[in-house]
C-alpha atoms as a PDB file:
ATOM      1  CA  MET A   1      42.481  21.025 111.036  1.00  0.00           C
ATOM      2  CA  ARG A   2      42.952  23.787 108.492  1.00  0.00           C
ATOM      3  CA  GLN A   3      45.882  21.924 106.924  1.00  0.00           C
ATOM      4  CA  TYR A   4      43.724  18.835 106.368  1.00  0.00           C
ATOM      5  CA  ARG A   5      41.060  20.937 104.702  1.00  0.00           C
ATOM      6  CA  ILE A   6      43.615  22.456 102.297  1.00  0.00           C
ATOM      7  CA  ILE A   7      45.124  19.048 101.547  1.00  0.00           C
ATOM      8  CA  THR A   8      41.641  17.608 100.925  1.00  0.00           C
ATOM      9  CA  ILE A   9      40.818  20.452  98.505  1.00  0.00           C
ATOM     10  CA  ILE A  10      44.095  19.938  96.627  1.00  0.00           C
ATOM     11  CA  ILE A  11      43.548  16.168  96.346  1.00  0.00           C
ATOM     12  CA  ALA A  12      39.946  16.649  95.185  1.00  0.00           C
ATOM     13  CA  SER A  13      41.126  19.153  92.555  1.00  0.00           C
ATOM     14  CA  LEU A  14      43.738  16.706  91.279  1.00  0.00           C
ATOM     15  CA  ILE A  15      41.176  13.902  91.015  1.00  0.00           C
ATOM     16  CA  VAL A  16      38.759  16.113  89.051  1.00  0.00           C
ATOM     17  CA  THR A  17      41.556  17.309  86.742  1.00  0.00           C
ATOM     18  CA  ALA A  18      42.778  13.751  86.113  1.00  0.00           C
ATOM     19  CA  SER A  19      39.302  12.433  85.340  1.00  0.00           C
ATOM     20  CA  ILE A  20      38.628  15.271  82.877  1.00  0.00           C
ATOM     21  CA  GLY A  21      41.884  14.532  81.036  1.00  0.00           C
ATOM     22  CA  CYS A  22      41.119  10.807  80.760  1.00  0.00           C
ATOM     23  CA  ASN A  23      37.680  11.167  79.164  1.00  0.00           C
ATOM     24  CA  ASN A  24      38.929  11.646  75.595  1.00  0.00           C
ATOM     25  CA  ASP A  25      37.620   8.449  74.008  1.00  0.00           C
ATOM     26  CA  ASP A  26      37.561   9.784  70.445  1.00  0.00           C
ATOM     27  CA  THR A  27      39.146   7.431  67.949  1.00  0.00           C
ATOM     28  CA  GLU A  28      40.668   9.162  64.927  1.00  0.00           C
ATOM     29  CA  LEU A  29      41.815   7.728  61.626  1.00  0.00           C
ATOM     30  CA  ALA A  30      43.776   9.105  58.671  1.00  0.00           C
ATOM     31  CA  TRP A  31      45.304   7.596  55.529  1.00  0.00           C
ATOM     32  CA  ILE A  32      48.441   7.979  53.409  1.00  0.00           C
ATOM     33  CA  ASN A  33      48.128   7.152  49.708  1.00  0.00           C
ATOM     34  CA  ASP A  34      51.034   4.951  48.623  1.00  0.00           C
ATOM     35  CA  ALA A  35      49.072   3.307  45.785  1.00  0.00           C
ATOM     36  CA  VAL A  36      50.726   5.471  43.049  1.00  0.00           C
ATOM     37  CA  ASN A  37      47.437   6.599  41.430  1.00  0.00           C
ATOM     38  CA  PRO A  38      45.205   9.267  43.012  1.00  0.00           C
ATOM     39  CA  ILE A  39      42.534   8.030  45.416  1.00  0.00           C
ATOM     40  CA  ASN A  40      39.280  10.001  45.256  1.00  0.00           C
ATOM     41  CA  ASP A  41      37.173   8.375  47.993  1.00  0.00           C
ATOM     42  CA  ILE A  42      38.142   6.287  51.009  1.00  0.00           C
ATOM     43  CA  ILE A  43      35.252   4.678  52.868  1.00  0.00           C
ATOM     44  CA  TRP A  44      35.747   3.157  56.304  1.00  0.00           C
ATOM     45  CA  ALA A  45      33.558   0.416  57.824  1.00  0.00           C
ATOM     46  CA  ASP A  46      30.541   0.465  55.499  1.00  0.00           C
ATOM     47  CA  GLY A  47      30.192   4.239  55.592  1.00  0.00           C
ATOM     48  CA  ASP A  48      31.111   4.996  59.209  1.00  0.00           C
ATOM     49  CA  GLN A  49      33.414   7.701  57.787  1.00  0.00           C
ATOM     50  CA  GLN A  50      34.486   8.888  54.339  1.00  0.00           C
ATOM     51  CA  TRP A  51      37.404  10.912  52.996  1.00  0.00           C
ATOM     52  CA  SER A  52      36.937  12.563  49.600  1.00  0.00           C
ATOM     53  CA  ARG A  53      38.853  15.041  47.519  1.00  0.00           C
ATOM     54  CA  ALA A  54      38.059  16.299  44.015  1.00  0.00           C
ATOM     55  CA  GLY A  55      40.858  15.053  41.780  1.00  0.00           C
ATOM     56  CA  GLY A  56      41.894  12.576  44.462  1.00  0.00           C
ATOM     57  CA  TYR A  57      44.569  12.317  47.120  1.00  0.00           C
ATOM     58  CA  VAL A  58      47.749  12.092  45.053  1.00  0.00           C
ATOM     59  CA  ASP A  59      50.563   9.620  45.727  1.00  0.00           C
ATOM     60  CA  GLN A  60      52.111  10.167  49.192  1.00  0.00           C
ATOM     61  CA  ALA A  61      49.350  12.608  50.246  1.00  0.00           C
ATOM     62  CA  GLN A  62      47.865  12.196  53.718  1.00  0.00           C
ATOM     63  CA  THR A  63      44.173  12.661  54.379  1.00  0.00           C
ATOM     64  CA  GLU A  64      42.817  14.731  57.213  1.00  0.00           C
ATOM     65  CA  SER A  65      42.293  12.872  60.473  1.00  0.00           C
ATOM     66  CA  LYS A  66      38.613  12.154  61.214  1.00  0.00           C
ATOM     67  CA  LYS A  67      36.704  10.791  64.198  1.00  0.00           C
ATOM     68  CA  VAL A  68      35.386   7.266  63.622  1.00  0.00           C
ATOM     69  CA  ASN A  69      32.869   5.272  65.633  1.00  0.00           C
ATOM     70  CA  ALA A  70      33.530   1.773  64.268  1.00  0.00           C
ATOM     71  CA  LEU A  71      36.623   0.194  65.806  1.00  0.00           C
ATOM     72  CA  TYR A  72      36.688  -2.701  63.345  1.00  0.00           C
ATOM     73  CA  GLY A  73      35.966  -2.615  59.643  1.00  0.00           C
ATOM     74  CA  SER A  74      37.147  -2.876  56.082  1.00  0.00           C
ATOM     75  CA  VAL A  75      38.163  -0.152  53.673  1.00  0.00           C
ATOM     76  CA  ILE A  76      37.149   0.474  50.076  1.00  0.00           C
ATOM     77  CA  ALA A  77      38.375   3.261  47.828  1.00  0.00           C
ATOM     78  CA  SER A  78      38.020   4.763  44.366  1.00  0.00           C
ATOM     79  CA  ILE A  79      41.291   4.962  42.448  1.00  0.00           C
ATOM     80  CA  ASP A  80      41.991   6.745  39.162  1.00  0.00           C
ATOM     81  CA  GLU A  81      43.187   4.169  36.650  1.00  0.00           C
ATOM     82  CA  GLY A  82      43.410   6.694  33.811  1.00  0.00           C
ATOM     83  CA  SER A  83      39.871   6.218  32.536  1.00  0.00           C
ATOM     84  CA  GLY A  84      38.201   7.599  35.671  1.00  0.00           C
ATOM     85  CA  PHE A  85      37.794   6.503  39.251  1.00  0.00           C
ATOM     86  CA  GLN A  86      37.019   2.816  39.838  1.00  0.00           C
ATOM     87  CA  GLU A  87      35.974   1.378  43.200  1.00  0.00           C
ATOM     88  CA  GLY A  88      38.125  -1.352  44.655  1.00  0.00           C
ATOM     89  CA  MET A  89      39.254  -3.155  47.788  1.00  0.00           C
ATOM     90  CA  VAL A  90      42.142  -1.592  49.657  1.00  0.00           C
ATOM     91  CA  ILE A  91      45.337  -3.290  50.814  1.00  0.00           C
ATOM     92  CA  ILE A  92      46.745  -1.583  53.907  1.00  0.00           C
ATOM     93  CA  GLY A  93      50.523  -1.713  54.203  1.00  0.00           C
ATOM     94  CA  GLU A  94      50.608  -2.179  57.959  1.00  0.00           C
ATOM     95  CA  THR A  95      48.187  -5.150  57.953  1.00  0.00           C
ATOM     96  CA  GLY A  96      48.512  -6.666  54.471  1.00  0.00           C
ATOM     97  CA  SER A  97      44.720  -6.793  54.217  1.00  0.00           C
ATOM     98  CA  GLY A  98      41.771  -4.483  53.687  1.00  0.00           C
ATOM     99  CA  SER A  99      40.549  -4.488  57.275  1.00  0.00           C
ATOM    100  CA  LEU A 100      41.623  -2.939  60.552  1.00  0.00           C
ATOM    101  CA  SER A 101      41.012  -3.227  64.248  1.00  0.00           C
ATOM    102  CA  LEU A 102      41.456   0.111  66.047  1.00  0.00           C
ATOM    103  CA  HIS A 103      41.952   0.870  69.730  1.00  0.00           C
ATOM    104  CA  ASP A 104      39.344   3.031  71.442  1.00  0.00           C
ATOM    105  CA  GLY A 105      40.681   6.538  72.008  1.00  0.00           C
ATOM    106  CA  SER A 106      43.623   6.141  69.609  1.00  0.00           C
ATOM    107  CA  SER A 107      44.717   8.334  66.733  1.00  0.00           C
ATOM    108  CA  GLU A 108      45.974   6.205  63.844  1.00  0.00           C
ATOM    109  CA  VAL A 109      47.442   6.782  60.371  1.00  0.00           C
ATOM    110  CA  TYR A 110      47.544   3.833  57.945  1.00  0.00           C
ATOM    111  CA  THR A 111      49.073   3.499  54.484  1.00  0.00           C
ATOM    112  CA  ILE A 112      47.047   2.380  51.489  1.00  0.00           C
ATOM    113  CA  ILE A 113      49.491   0.512  49.255  1.00  0.00           C
ATOM    114  CA  SER A 114      47.044  -0.665  46.593  1.00  0.00           C
ATOM    115  CA  VAL A 115      43.430  -0.596  45.483  1.00  0.00           C
ATOM    116  CA  MET A 116      42.290  -3.681  43.570  1.00  0.00           C
ATOM    117  CA  PRO A 117      39.037  -3.753  41.552  1.00  0.00           C
END
């Protein structure tokens, strides 16, 4: 009887540990600038999240990863065209468009290959 009690405690502990580890539903998103010019602001899904840096994220720089709530949306950004930052639609290298569909609980990094006014 004592063996069954110990086995039951061990199994219950494993179930609790497994369920705690599976509850990480945070979806994170980061960007790499491959658009040549610095990108000052990147806005995901109508303001669900924003990445900003004074002077912009230079070519090949990666943004910090941030938690997002929207799993589907489009991206706009401000790019420095020499006369200041101008807002434009983003083209993402991995999708060929300016929109994404993310998976719940994933951590993704996408490449911005151009920003068009």
